[in-house]
Each structure stands twice: as C-alpha cells, then as structure tokens.
PDB file of all heavy atoms in Angstrom:
ATOM      1  N   ARG A   1     -25.507  -8.201 -10.539  1.00  0.00           N
ATOM      2  CA  ARG A   1     -24.569  -8.349  -9.318  1.00  0.00           C
ATOM      3  C   ARG A   1     -23.221  -7.731  -9.524  1.00  0.00           C
ATOM      4  O   ARG A   1     -22.609  -7.058  -8.744  1.00  0.00           O
ATOM      5  CB  ARG A   1     -24.556  -9.705  -8.923  1.00  0.00           C
ATOM      6  CG  ARG A   1     -23.756  -9.765  -7.598  1.00  0.00           C
ATOM      7  CD  ARG A   1     -23.907 -11.378  -6.986  1.00  0.00           C
ATOM      8  NE  ARG A   1     -22.563 -11.599  -6.573  1.00  0.00           N
ATOM      9  CZ  ARG A   1     -21.870 -12.696  -6.845  1.00  0.00           C
ATOM     10  NH1 ARG A   1     -22.290 -13.594  -7.647  1.00  0.00           N
ATOM     11  NH2 ARG A   1     -20.654 -12.879  -6.351  1.00  0.00           N
ATOM     12  N   PHE A   2     -22.717  -8.109 -10.739  1.00  0.00           N
ATOM     13  CA  PHE A   2     -21.233  -7.688 -11.109  1.00  0.00           C
ATOM     14  C   PHE A   2     -21.089  -6.317 -11.569  1.00  0.00           C
ATOM     15  O   PHE A   2     -19.949  -5.856 -11.765  1.00  0.00           O
ATOM     16  CB  PHE A   2     -20.659  -8.623 -12.104  1.00  0.00           C
ATOM     17  CG  PHE A   2     -20.558 -10.203 -11.551  1.00  0.00           C
ATOM     18  CD1 PHE A   2     -20.699 -11.141 -12.443  1.00  0.00           C
ATOM     19  CD2 PHE A   2     -20.435 -10.379 -10.295  1.00  0.00           C
ATOM     20  CE1 PHE A   2     -20.363 -12.444 -11.947  1.00  0.00           C
ATOM     21  CE2 PHE A   2     -20.270 -11.676  -9.774  1.00  0.00           C
ATOM     22  CZ  PHE A   2     -20.238 -12.759 -10.650  1.00  0.00           C
ATOM     23  N   THR A   3     -22.205  -5.532 -11.549  1.00  0.00           N
ATOM     24  CA  THR A   3     -22.115  -4.060 -11.905  1.00  0.00           C
ATOM     25  C   THR A   3     -22.490  -3.218 -10.654  1.00  0.00           C
ATOM     26  O   THR A   3     -22.587  -2.012 -10.827  1.00  0.00           O
ATOM     27  CB  THR A   3     -22.818  -3.792 -13.168  1.00  0.00           C
ATOM     28  OG1 THR A   3     -24.201  -4.092 -12.880  1.00  0.00           O
ATOM     29  CG2 THR A   3     -22.353  -4.386 -14.312  1.00  0.00           C
ATOM     30  N   GLN A   4     -22.472  -3.731  -9.487  1.00  0.00           N
ATOM     31  CA  GLN A   4     -22.893  -3.012  -8.196  1.00  0.00           C
ATOM     32  C   GLN A   4     -21.520  -2.442  -7.714  1.00  0.00           C
ATOM     33  O   GLN A   4     -20.380  -2.849  -8.097  1.00  0.00           O
ATOM     34  CB  GLN A   4     -23.361  -3.990  -7.239  1.00  0.00           C
ATOM     35  CG  GLN A   4     -24.718  -4.552  -7.492  1.00  0.00           C
ATOM     36  CD  GLN A   4     -25.702  -3.574  -7.690  1.00  0.00           C
ATOM     37  OE1 GLN A   4     -25.990  -2.705  -6.926  1.00  0.00           O
ATOM     38  NE2 GLN A   4     -26.462  -3.677  -8.871  1.00  0.00           N
ATOM     39  N   PRO A   5     -21.630  -1.169  -7.000  1.00  0.00           N
ATOM     40  CA  PRO A   5     -20.377  -0.595  -6.513  1.00  0.00           C
ATOM     41  C   PRO A   5     -19.504  -1.462  -5.729  1.00  0.00           C
ATOM     42  O   PRO A   5     -18.245  -1.182  -5.825  1.00  0.00           O
ATOM     43  CB  PRO A   5     -20.999   0.549  -5.565  1.00  0.00           C
ATOM     44  CG  PRO A   5     -22.442   0.733  -6.038  1.00  0.00           C
ATOM     45  CD  PRO A   5     -22.820  -0.619  -6.544  1.00  0.00           C
ATOM     46  N   GLU A   6     -19.922  -2.415  -5.043  1.00  0.00           N
ATOM     47  CA  GLU A   6     -19.088  -3.240  -4.283  1.00  0.00           C
ATOM     48  C   GLU A   6     -18.521  -4.395  -5.005  1.00  0.00           C
ATOM     49  O   GLU A   6     -17.640  -5.276  -4.597  1.00  0.00           O
ATOM     50  CB  GLU A   6     -19.692  -3.836  -2.963  1.00  0.00           C
ATOM     51  CG  GLU A   6     -20.896  -4.670  -3.327  1.00  0.00           C
ATOM     52  CD  GLU A   6     -22.135  -4.119  -3.702  1.00  0.00           C
ATOM     53  OE1 GLU A   6     -22.287  -2.835  -3.576  1.00  0.00           O
ATOM     54  OE2 GLU A   6     -23.183  -4.901  -3.949  1.00  0.00           O
ATOM     55  N   CYS A   7     -18.731  -4.419  -6.290  1.00  0.00           N
ATOM     56  CA  CYS A   7     -18.110  -5.521  -7.231  1.00  0.00           C
ATOM     57  C   CYS A   7     -17.597  -4.965  -8.480  1.00  0.00           C
ATOM     58  O   CYS A   7     -18.324  -4.162  -9.154  1.00  0.00           O
ATOM     59  CB  CYS A   7     -19.147  -6.546  -7.387  1.00  0.00           C
ATOM     60  SG  CYS A   7     -18.531  -7.994  -8.386  1.00  0.00           S
ATOM     61  N   HIS A   8     -16.452  -5.230  -8.784  1.00  0.00           N
ATOM     62  CA  HIS A   8     -15.803  -4.845 -10.113  1.00  0.00           C
ATOM     63  C   HIS A   8     -15.524  -6.191 -10.814  1.00  0.00           C
ATOM     64  O   HIS A   8     -14.524  -6.853 -10.541  1.00  0.00           O
ATOM     65  CB  HIS A   8     -14.598  -3.966  -9.927  1.00  0.00           C
ATOM     66  CG  HIS A   8     -14.850  -2.719  -9.299  1.00  0.00           C
ATOM     67  ND1 HIS A   8     -13.992  -1.638  -9.523  1.00  0.00           N
ATOM     68  CD2 HIS A   8     -15.741  -2.300  -8.555  1.00  0.00           C
ATOM     69  CE1 HIS A   8     -14.434  -0.504  -8.788  1.00  0.00           C
ATOM     70  NE2 HIS A   8     -15.487  -0.923  -8.218  1.00  0.00           N
ATOM     71  N   ALA A   9     -16.340  -6.415 -11.877  1.00  0.00           N
ATOM     72  CA  ALA A   9     -16.111  -7.614 -12.600  1.00  0.00           C
ATOM     73  C   ALA A   9     -15.794  -7.385 -14.072  1.00  0.00           C
ATOM     74  O   ALA A   9     -16.092  -6.346 -14.689  1.00  0.00           O
ATOM     75  CB  ALA A   9     -17.373  -8.404 -12.619  1.00  0.00           C
ATOM     76  N   PHE A  10     -15.061  -8.261 -14.651  1.00  0.00           N
ATOM     77  CA  PHE A  10     -14.432  -8.120 -16.076  1.00  0.00           C
ATOM     78  C   PHE A  10     -14.379  -9.391 -16.734  1.00  0.00           C
ATOM     79  O   PHE A  10     -14.390 -10.426 -16.372  1.00  0.00           O
ATOM     80  CB  PHE A  10     -12.924  -7.602 -15.868  1.00  0.00           C
ATOM     81  CG  PHE A  10     -12.690  -6.531 -15.102  1.00  0.00           C
ATOM     82  CD1 PHE A  10     -12.451  -6.688 -13.620  1.00  0.00           C
ATOM     83  CD2 PHE A  10     -12.755  -5.308 -15.499  1.00  0.00           C
ATOM     84  CE1 PHE A  10     -12.168  -5.588 -12.869  1.00  0.00           C
ATOM     85  CE2 PHE A  10     -12.458  -4.109 -14.725  1.00  0.00           C
ATOM     86  CZ  PHE A  10     -12.187  -4.251 -13.306  1.00  0.00           C
ATOM     87  N   PHE A  11     -14.698  -9.089 -18.086  1.00  0.00           N
ATOM     88  CA  PHE A  11     -14.384 -10.241 -19.022  1.00  0.00           C
ATOM     89  C   PHE A  11     -12.929 -10.248 -19.308  1.00  0.00           C
ATOM     90  O   PHE A  11     -12.391  -9.160 -19.507  1.00  0.00           O
ATOM     91  CB  PHE A  11     -15.247 -10.081 -20.320  1.00  0.00           C
ATOM     92  CG  PHE A  11     -16.728 -10.520 -20.078  1.00  0.00           C
ATOM     93  CD1 PHE A  11     -17.640  -9.465 -19.947  1.00  0.00           C
ATOM     94  CD2 PHE A  11     -17.150 -11.738 -19.972  1.00  0.00           C
ATOM     95  CE1 PHE A  11     -18.990  -9.664 -19.689  1.00  0.00           C
ATOM     96  CE2 PHE A  11     -18.469 -12.104 -19.807  1.00  0.00           C
ATOM     97  CZ  PHE A  11     -19.368 -11.091 -19.582  1.00  0.00           C
ATOM     98  N   ILE A  12     -12.374 -11.409 -19.521  1.00  0.00           N
ATOM     99  CA  ILE A  12     -10.953 -11.531 -19.984  1.00  0.00           C
ATOM    100  C   ILE A  12     -10.867 -11.646 -21.371  1.00  0.00           C
ATOM    101  O   ILE A  12     -11.443 -12.551 -22.039  1.00  0.00           O
ATOM    102  CB  ILE A  12     -10.294 -12.791 -19.240  1.00  0.00           C
ATOM    103  CG1 ILE A  12     -10.453 -12.731 -17.726  1.00  0.00           C
ATOM    104  CG2 ILE A  12      -8.877 -12.918 -19.656  1.00  0.00           C
ATOM    105  CD1 ILE A  12     -10.218 -14.113 -17.174  1.00  0.00           C
ATOM    106  N   PHE A  13     -10.205 -10.691 -22.005  1.00  0.00           N
ATOM    107  CA  PHE A  13      -9.978 -10.628 -23.476  1.00  0.00           C
ATOM    108  C   PHE A  13      -8.454 -11.074 -23.798  1.00  0.00           C
ATOM    109  O   PHE A  13      -7.520 -10.470 -23.145  1.00  0.00           O
ATOM    110  CB  PHE A  13     -10.193  -9.255 -23.918  1.00  0.00           C
ATOM    111  CG  PHE A  13     -10.028  -9.123 -25.538  1.00  0.00           C
ATOM    112  CD1 PHE A  13     -11.152  -9.666 -26.286  1.00  0.00           C
ATOM    113  CD2 PHE A  13      -8.985  -8.556 -26.065  1.00  0.00           C
ATOM    114  CE1 PHE A  13     -11.007  -9.530 -27.619  1.00  0.00           C
ATOM    115  CE2 PHE A  13      -8.900  -8.360 -27.453  1.00  0.00           C
ATOM    116  CZ  PHE A  13      -9.852  -8.900 -28.219  1.00  0.00           C
ATOM    117  N   TYR A  14      -8.277 -12.069 -24.572  1.00  0.00           N
ATOM    118  CA  TYR A  14      -7.006 -12.576 -24.953  1.00  0.00           C
ATOM    119  C   TYR A  14      -6.672 -11.954 -26.232  1.00  0.00           C
ATOM    120  O   TYR A  14      -7.150 -12.521 -27.345  1.00  0.00           O
ATOM    121  CB  TYR A  14      -6.770 -14.103 -24.875  1.00  0.00           C
ATOM    122  CG  TYR A  14      -5.468 -14.562 -25.106  1.00  0.00           C
ATOM    123  CD1 TYR A  14      -4.395 -14.267 -24.234  1.00  0.00           C
ATOM    124  CD2 TYR A  14      -5.189 -15.401 -26.185  1.00  0.00           C
ATOM    125  CE1 TYR A  14      -3.200 -14.698 -24.314  1.00  0.00           C
ATOM    126  CE2 TYR A  14      -3.924 -15.901 -26.308  1.00  0.00           C
ATOM    127  CZ  TYR A  14      -2.931 -15.515 -25.396  1.00  0.00           C
ATOM    128  OH  TYR A  14      -1.694 -15.978 -25.577  1.00  0.00           O
ATOM    129  N   ALA A  15      -5.802 -10.855 -26.377  1.00  0.00           N
ATOM    130  CA  ALA A  15      -5.575 -10.052 -27.590  1.00  0.00           C
ATOM    131  C   ALA A  15      -4.968 -10.982 -28.718  1.00  0.00           C
ATOM    132  O   ALA A  15      -5.402 -10.794 -29.871  1.00  0.00           O
ATOM    133  CB  ALA A  15      -4.712  -8.923 -27.205  1.00  0.00           C
ATOM    134  N   PRO A  16      -4.010 -11.796 -28.394  1.00  0.00           N
ATOM    135  CA  PRO A  16      -3.447 -12.583 -29.530  1.00  0.00           C
ATOM    136  C   PRO A  16      -4.392 -13.320 -30.469  1.00  0.00           C
ATOM    137  O   PRO A  16      -4.275 -13.517 -31.590  1.00  0.00           O
ATOM    138  CB  PRO A  16      -2.419 -13.531 -28.959  1.00  0.00           C
ATOM    139  CG  PRO A  16      -2.090 -12.820 -27.679  1.00  0.00           C
ATOM    140  CD  PRO A  16      -3.324 -12.103 -27.165  1.00  0.00           C
ATOM    141  N   ASP A  17      -5.552 -13.803 -29.797  1.00  0.00           N
ATOM    142  CA  ASP A  17      -6.539 -14.622 -30.466  1.00  0.00           C
ATOM    143  C   ASP A  17      -7.820 -13.769 -30.778  1.00  0.00           C
ATOM    144  O   ASP A  17      -8.854 -14.322 -31.290  1.00  0.00           O
ATOM    145  CB  ASP A  17      -6.855 -15.827 -29.779  1.00  0.00           C
ATOM    146  CG  ASP A  17      -5.618 -16.842 -29.694  1.00  0.00           C
ATOM    147  OD1 ASP A  17      -4.705 -16.671 -30.511  1.00  0.00           O
ATOM    148  OD2 ASP A  17      -5.749 -17.756 -28.931  1.00  0.00           O
ATOM    149  N   ASN A  18      -7.764 -12.470 -30.277  1.00  0.00           N
ATOM    150  CA  ASN A  18      -9.000 -11.642 -30.400  1.00  0.00           C
ATOM    151  C   ASN A  18     -10.167 -12.286 -29.828  1.00  0.00           C
ATOM    152  O   ASN A  18     -11.200 -12.315 -30.449  1.00  0.00           O
ATOM    153  CB  ASN A  18      -9.187 -11.191 -31.877  1.00  0.00           C
ATOM    154  CG  ASN A  18     -10.101 -10.175 -31.996  1.00  0.00           C
ATOM    155  OD1 ASN A  18     -10.107  -9.210 -31.228  1.00  0.00           O
ATOM    156  ND2 ASN A  18     -10.895 -10.052 -33.086  1.00  0.00           N
ATOM    157  N   ALA A  19     -10.046 -12.905 -28.621  1.00  0.00           N
ATOM    158  CA  ALA A  19     -11.182 -13.709 -27.999  1.00  0.00           C
ATOM    159  C   ALA A  19     -11.395 -13.362 -26.639  1.00  0.00           C
ATOM    160  O   ALA A  19     -10.439 -13.254 -25.826  1.00  0.00           O
ATOM    161  CB  ALA A  19     -10.787 -15.123 -28.193  1.00  0.00           C
ATOM    162  N   PHE A  20     -12.567 -13.433 -26.154  1.00  0.00           N
ATOM    163  CA  PHE A  20     -12.994 -13.438 -24.763  1.00  0.00           C
ATOM    164  C   PHE A  20     -12.843 -14.803 -24.241  1.00  0.00           C
ATOM    165  O   PHE A  20     -13.407 -15.737 -24.879  1.00  0.00           O
ATOM    166  CB  PHE A  20     -14.401 -12.907 -24.542  1.00  0.00           C
ATOM    167  CG  PHE A  20     -14.468 -11.374 -24.630  1.00  0.00           C
ATOM    168  CD1 PHE A  20     -14.975 -10.796 -25.826  1.00  0.00           C
ATOM    169  CD2 PHE A  20     -14.092 -10.502 -23.623  1.00  0.00           C
ATOM    170  CE1 PHE A  20     -15.073  -9.434 -25.988  1.00  0.00           C
ATOM    171  CE2 PHE A  20     -14.182  -9.246 -23.834  1.00  0.00           C
ATOM    172  CZ  PHE A  20     -14.706  -8.607 -25.011  1.00  0.00           C
ATOM    173  N   ILE A  21     -12.155 -15.057 -23.087  1.00  0.00           N
ATOM    174  CA  ILE A  21     -11.834 -16.394 -22.813  1.00  0.00           C
ATOM    175  C   ILE A  21     -12.284 -16.665 -21.250  1.00  0.00           C
ATOM    176  O   ILE A  21     -12.241 -17.831 -20.870  1.00  0.00           O
ATOM    177  CB  ILE A  21     -10.332 -16.669 -22.714  1.00  0.00           C
ATOM    178  CG1 ILE A  21      -9.543 -15.837 -21.797  1.00  0.00           C
ATOM    179  CG2 ILE A  21      -9.793 -16.537 -24.206  1.00  0.00           C
ATOM    180  CD1 ILE A  21      -8.046 -16.277 -21.623  1.00  0.00           C
ATOM    181  N   GLY A  22     -12.772 -15.639 -20.599  1.00  0.00           N
ATOM    182  CA  GLY A  22     -13.262 -15.885 -19.193  1.00  0.00           C
ATOM    183  C   GLY A  22     -13.705 -14.613 -18.487  1.00  0.00           C
ATOM    184  O   GLY A  22     -14.039 -13.648 -19.111  1.00  0.00           O
ATOM    185  N   THR A  23     -13.829 -14.819 -17.160  1.00  0.00           N
ATOM    186  CA  THR A  23     -14.202 -13.640 -16.345  1.00  0.00           C
ATOM    187  C   THR A  23     -13.306 -13.519 -15.091  1.00  0.00           C
ATOM    188  O   THR A  23     -12.711 -14.563 -14.707  1.00  0.00           O
ATOM    189  CB  THR A  23     -15.526 -13.769 -15.837  1.00  0.00           C
ATOM    190  OG1 THR A  23     -15.738 -14.926 -15.005  1.00  0.00           O
ATOM    191  CG2 THR A  23     -16.614 -13.858 -16.965  1.00  0.00           C
ATOM    192  N   THR A  24     -13.205 -12.353 -14.471  1.00  0.00           N
ATOM    193  CA  THR A  24     -12.510 -12.194 -13.189  1.00  0.00           C
ATOM    194  C   THR A  24     -13.244 -11.077 -12.515  1.00  0.00           C
ATOM    195  O   THR A  24     -13.932 -10.299 -13.050  1.00  0.00           O
ATOM    196  CB  THR A  24     -11.001 -11.922 -13.492  1.00  0.00           C
ATOM    197  OG1 THR A  24     -10.381 -11.932 -12.163  1.00  0.00           O
ATOM    198  CG2 THR A  24     -10.828 -10.599 -14.127  1.00  0.00           C
ATOM    199  N   LYS A  25     -12.993 -10.991 -11.162  1.00  0.00           N
ATOM    200  CA  LYS A  25     -13.777 -10.075 -10.383  1.00  0.00           C
ATOM    201  C   LYS A  25     -13.031  -9.657  -9.017  1.00  0.00           C
ATOM    202  O   LYS A  25     -12.236 -10.608  -8.558  1.00  0.00           O
ATOM    203  CB  LYS A  25     -15.088 -10.502 -10.078  1.00  0.00           C
ATOM    204  CG  LYS A  25     -15.149 -11.613  -9.209  1.00  0.00           C
ATOM    205  CD  LYS A  25     -16.498 -12.228  -8.850  1.00  0.00           C
ATOM    206  CE  LYS A  25     -16.569 -13.316  -7.901  1.00  0.00           C
ATOM    207  NZ  LYS A  25     -17.751 -13.730  -7.341  1.00  0.00           N
ATOM    208  N   LEU A  26     -13.317  -8.594  -8.466  1.00  0.00           N
ATOM    209  CA  LEU A  26     -13.087  -8.180  -7.195  1.00  0.00           C
ATOM    210  C   LEU A  26     -14.502  -8.105  -6.552  1.00  0.00           C
ATOM    211  O   LEU A  26     -15.248  -7.152  -7.141  1.00  0.00           O
ATOM    212  CB  LEU A  26     -12.222  -6.955  -6.997  1.00  0.00           C
ATOM    213  CG  LEU A  26     -10.802  -7.000  -7.564  1.00  0.00           C
ATOM    214  CD1 LEU A  26     -10.147  -5.664  -7.515  1.00  0.00           C
ATOM    215  CD2 LEU A  26     -10.067  -8.087  -6.533  1.00  0.00           C
ATOM    216  N   ASP A  27     -14.846  -8.739  -5.632  1.00  0.00           N
ATOM    217  CA  ASP A  27     -16.221  -8.788  -4.997  1.00  0.00           C
ATOM    218  C   ASP A  27     -16.210  -8.520  -3.565  1.00  0.00           C
ATOM    219  O   ASP A  27     -15.193  -8.612  -2.867  1.00  0.00           O
ATOM    220  CB  ASP A  27     -16.811 -10.134  -5.368  1.00  0.00           C
ATOM    221  CG  ASP A  27     -18.454 -10.160  -5.285  1.00  0.00           C
ATOM    222  OD1 ASP A  27     -18.941  -9.040  -4.966  1.00  0.00           O
ATOM    223  OD2 ASP A  27     -18.978 -11.190  -5.600  1.00  0.00           O
TER     224      ASP A  27
END
C-alpha cells in the first residue's frame, strides 16, 4: 500500500542515535 503512486511513505531515521524510530506518510 505504501509504495503505490498515490502514497509516499517513509521510515523515520533519527541520525544522532543511528536508529529508525517510526513512520510517516502522505497518503
């Protein structure tokens, strides 16, 4: 779903801790 043309979804990467911490999207 999140890789369809009408949706741009991302994982949130927090650089200071070198960690993925969540997700965000335009749907």
